[in-house]
Amino acid sequence: MALPALLGVGAIVGFFTRILEWLVSRVASRFTSRLAGMLVWTTLYLTLLAALATTFALIINGINASLPSELANGMAAVKPDNLEGCIAAIYSSKVAMWVFQQKKQLIDWEQGRPVL
């Protein structure tokens, strides 16, 4: 009588193990797909922002190179030598703040969503 009871317990344990395995795989699948999506969008935004910063630096250098010599000398007297670096630092700090805010919003949004 004890042997059939043990076989029944094994079947029940196997059944609950399969259910738990299915549940964990479903949660992990949803979590990783969301995480991958967030990483793709964040990478896209950062790439576009880096391209925009490079474009700003090229525009500033292009304006300075295409000016007549008298005007370029006048601007050189007013414009600091490290203007491009200053603009890059200001822009980089704004991008860093934006990335931080987006990360915070994504974390808050993910914490509010149901997992399943």
C-alpha atoms as a PDB file:
ATOM      1  CA  MET A   1       0.000   0.000   0.000  1.00  0.00           C
ATOM      2  CA  ALA A   2       2.919   2.369   0.683  1.00  0.00           C
ATOM      3  CA  LEU A   3       4.434   1.967  -2.791  1.00  0.00           C
ATOM      4  CA  PRO A   4       1.404   3.236  -4.776  1.00  0.00           C
ATOM      5  CA  ALA A   5       1.117   6.163  -2.365  1.00  0.00           C
ATOM      6  CA  LEU A   6       4.762   7.094  -3.005  1.00  0.00           C
ATOM      7  CA  LEU A   7       4.236   6.847  -6.759  1.00  0.00           C
ATOM      8  CA  GLY A   8       1.282   9.205  -6.474  1.00  0.00           C
ATOM      9  CA  VAL A   9       3.350  11.724  -4.497  1.00  0.00           C
ATOM     10  CA  GLY A  10       6.044  11.627  -7.161  1.00  0.00           C
ATOM     11  CA  ALA A  11       3.485  12.360  -9.856  1.00  0.00           C
ATOM     12  CA  ILE A  12       2.054  15.265  -7.851  1.00  0.00           C
ATOM     13  CA  VAL A  13       5.535  16.664  -7.179  1.00  0.00           C
ATOM     14  CA  GLY A  14       6.376  16.301 -10.885  1.00  0.00           C
ATOM     15  CA  PHE A  15       3.160  18.095 -11.835  1.00  0.00           C
ATOM     16  CA  PHE A  16       3.850  21.033  -9.514  1.00  0.00           C
ATOM     17  CA  THR A  17       7.462  21.134 -10.668  1.00  0.00           C
ATOM     18  CA  ARG A  18       6.300  21.453 -14.284  1.00  0.00           C
ATOM     19  CA  ILE A  19       3.888  24.247 -13.340  1.00  0.00           C
ATOM     20  CA  LEU A  20       6.619  26.105 -11.436  1.00  0.00           C
ATOM     21  CA  GLU A  21       9.048  25.617 -14.333  1.00  0.00           C
ATOM     22  CA  TRP A  22       6.493  27.002 -16.797  1.00  0.00           C
ATOM     23  CA  LEU A  23       5.772  30.001 -14.552  1.00  0.00           C
ATOM     24  CA  VAL A  24       9.444  30.854 -14.024  1.00  0.00           C
ATOM     25  CA  SER A  25      10.243  30.529 -17.733  1.00  0.00           C
ATOM     26  CA  ARG A  26       7.303  32.773 -18.645  1.00  0.00           C
ATOM     27  CA  VAL A  27       8.317  35.466 -16.154  1.00  0.00           C
ATOM     28  CA  ALA A  28      11.965  35.285 -17.275  1.00  0.00           C
ATOM     29  CA  SER A  29      10.965  35.469 -20.921  1.00  0.00           C
ATOM     30  CA  ARG A  30       8.800  38.557 -20.402  1.00  0.00           C
ATOM     31  CA  PHE A  31      11.431  40.234 -18.241  1.00  0.00           C
ATOM     32  CA  THR A  32      14.281  39.648 -20.694  1.00  0.00           C
ATOM     33  CA  SER A  33      12.234  40.795 -23.686  1.00  0.00           C
ATOM     34  CA  ARG A  34      11.306  44.023 -21.876  1.00  0.00           C
ATOM     35  CA  LEU A  35      14.875  44.555 -20.789  1.00  0.00           C
ATOM     36  CA  ALA A  36      16.153  43.986 -24.309  1.00  0.00           C
ATOM     37  CA  GLY A  37      13.623  46.457 -25.679  1.00  0.00           C
ATOM     38  CA  MET A  38      14.626  49.103 -23.159  1.00  0.00           C
ATOM     39  CA  LEU A  39      18.307  48.561 -23.928  1.00  0.00           C
ATOM     40  CA  VAL A  40      17.710  48.883 -27.667  1.00  0.00           C
ATOM     41  CA  TRP A  41      15.805  52.162 -27.293  1.00  0.00           C
ATOM     42  CA  THR A  42      18.326  53.564 -24.820  1.00  0.00           C
ATOM     43  CA  THR A  43      21.206  52.676 -27.141  1.00  0.00           C
ATOM     44  CA  LEU A  44      19.389  54.291 -30.056  1.00  0.00           C
ATOM     45  CA  TYR A  45      18.809  57.503 -28.095  1.00  0.00           C
ATOM     46  CA  LEU A  46      22.401  57.675 -26.899  1.00  0.00           C
ATOM     47  CA  THR A  47      23.712  57.084 -30.405  1.00  0.00           C
ATOM     48  CA  LEU A  48      21.527  59.850 -31.788  1.00  0.00           C
ATOM     49  CA  LEU A  49      22.595  62.226 -29.011  1.00  0.00           C
ATOM     50  CA  ALA A  50      26.285  61.468 -29.616  1.00  0.00           C
ATOM     51  CA  ALA A  51      25.786  62.128 -33.331  1.00  0.00           C
ATOM     52  CA  LEU A  52      24.081  65.412 -32.476  1.00  0.00           C
ATOM     53  CA  ALA A  53      27.004  66.460 -30.255  1.00  0.00           C
ATOM     54  CA  THR A  54      29.453  65.656 -33.044  1.00  0.00           C
ATOM     55  CA  THR A  55      27.349  67.650 -35.482  1.00  0.00           C
ATOM     56  CA  PHE A  56      27.388  70.665 -33.119  1.00  0.00           C
ATOM     57  CA  ALA A  57      31.169  70.521 -32.855  1.00  0.00           C
ATOM     58  CA  LEU A  58      31.543  70.281 -36.633  1.00  0.00           C
ATOM     59  CA  ILE A  59      29.174  73.212 -37.179  1.00  0.00           C
ATOM     60  CA  ILE A  60      31.107  75.395 -34.727  1.00  0.00           C
ATOM     61  CA  ASN A  61      34.414  74.493 -36.374  1.00  0.00           C
ATOM     62  CA  GLY A  62      32.915  74.992 -39.834  1.00  0.00           C
ATOM     63  CA  ILE A  63      31.627  78.461 -39.016  1.00  0.00           C
ATOM     64  CA  ASN A  64      35.001  79.533 -37.724  1.00  0.00           C
ATOM     65  CA  ALA A  65      36.810  78.182 -40.796  1.00  0.00           C
ATOM     66  CA  SER A  66      34.515  79.816 -43.367  1.00  0.00           C
ATOM     67  CA  LEU A  67      34.617  83.362 -42.003  1.00  0.00           C
ATOM     68  CA  PRO A  68      36.602  86.133 -43.663  1.00  0.00           C
ATOM     69  CA  SER A  69      39.983  86.652 -42.029  1.00  0.00           C
ATOM     70  CA  GLU A  70      39.115  89.991 -40.378  1.00  0.00           C
ATOM     71  CA  LEU A  71      35.934  88.599 -38.840  1.00  0.00           C
ATOM     72  CA  ALA A  72      37.701  85.390 -37.781  1.00  0.00           C
ATOM     73  CA  ASN A  73      40.397  87.484 -36.045  1.00  0.00           C
ATOM     74  CA  GLY A  74      37.697  89.531 -34.307  1.00  0.00           C
ATOM     75  CA  MET A  75      35.912  86.396 -33.127  1.00  0.00           C
ATOM     76  CA  ALA A  76      39.206  84.882 -31.991  1.00  0.00           C
ATOM     77  CA  ALA A  77      39.666  87.888 -29.704  1.00  0.00           C
ATOM     78  CA  VAL A  78      36.270  87.237 -28.065  1.00  0.00           C
ATOM     79  CA  LYS A  79      35.885  83.463 -28.359  1.00  0.00           C
ATOM     80  CA  PRO A  80      37.905  81.398 -25.894  1.00  0.00           C
ATOM     81  CA  ASP A  81      40.272  78.762 -27.270  1.00  0.00           C
ATOM     82  CA  ASN A  82      38.364  75.966 -25.576  1.00  0.00           C
ATOM     83  CA  LEU A  83      34.854  76.971 -26.725  1.00  0.00           C
ATOM     84  CA  GLU A  84      34.238  73.586 -28.348  1.00  0.00           C
ATOM     85  CA  GLY A  85      35.265  71.819 -25.141  1.00  0.00           C
ATOM     86  CA  CYS A  86      32.994  74.058 -23.068  1.00  0.00           C
ATOM     87  CA  ILE A  87      30.030  73.443 -25.335  1.00  0.00           C
ATOM     88  CA  ALA A  88      30.769  69.712 -25.287  1.00  0.00           C
ATOM     89  CA  ALA A  89      30.881  69.741 -21.464  1.00  0.00           C
ATOM     90  CA  ILE A  90      27.585  71.620 -21.213  1.00  0.00           C
ATOM     91  CA  TYR A  91      25.928  69.356 -23.761  1.00  0.00           C
ATOM     92  CA  SER A  92      27.328  66.217 -22.128  1.00  0.00           C
ATOM     93  CA  SER A  93      25.964  67.252 -18.738  1.00  0.00           C
ATOM     94  CA  LYS A  94      22.532  67.873 -20.269  1.00  0.00           C
ATOM     95  CA  VAL A  95      22.635  64.457 -21.961  1.00  0.00           C
ATOM     96  CA  ALA A  96      23.716  62.805 -18.704  1.00  0.00           C
ATOM     97  CA  MET A  97      20.803  64.426 -16.862  1.00  0.00           C
ATOM     98  CA  TRP A  98      18.394  63.339 -19.592  1.00  0.00           C
ATOM     99  CA  VAL A  99      19.682  59.754 -19.462  1.00  0.00           C
ATOM    100  CA  PHE A 100      19.334  59.729 -15.678  1.00  0.00           C
ATOM    101  CA  GLN A 101      15.746  61.002 -15.897  1.00  0.00           C
ATOM    102  CA  GLN A 102      14.869  58.439 -18.567  1.00  0.00           C
ATOM    103  CA  LYS A 103      16.397  55.641 -16.499  1.00  0.00           C
ATOM    104  CA  LYS A 104      14.384  56.731 -13.474  1.00  0.00           C
ATOM    105  CA  GLN A 105      11.172  56.871 -15.514  1.00  0.00           C
ATOM    106  CA  LEU A 106      11.811  53.426 -16.988  1.00  0.00           C
ATOM    107  CA  ILE A 107      12.479  51.939 -13.560  1.00  0.00           C
ATOM    108  CA  ASP A 108       9.324  53.528 -12.135  1.00  0.00           C
ATOM    109  CA  TRP A 109       7.334  52.332 -15.141  1.00  0.00           C
ATOM    110  CA  GLU A 110       8.680  48.779 -14.871  1.00  0.00           C
ATOM    111  CA  GLN A 111       7.968  48.604 -11.156  1.00  0.00           C
ATOM    112  CA  GLY A 112       4.367  49.603 -11.747  1.00  0.00           C
ATOM    113  CA  ARG A 113       3.696  46.999 -14.459  1.00  0.00           C
ATOM    114  CA  PRO A 114       2.494  43.515 -13.661  1.00  0.00           C
ATOM    115  CA  VAL A 115       5.009  40.782 -14.420  1.00  0.00           C
ATOM    116  CA  LEU A 116       2.656  38.317 -16.099  1.00  0.00           C
END
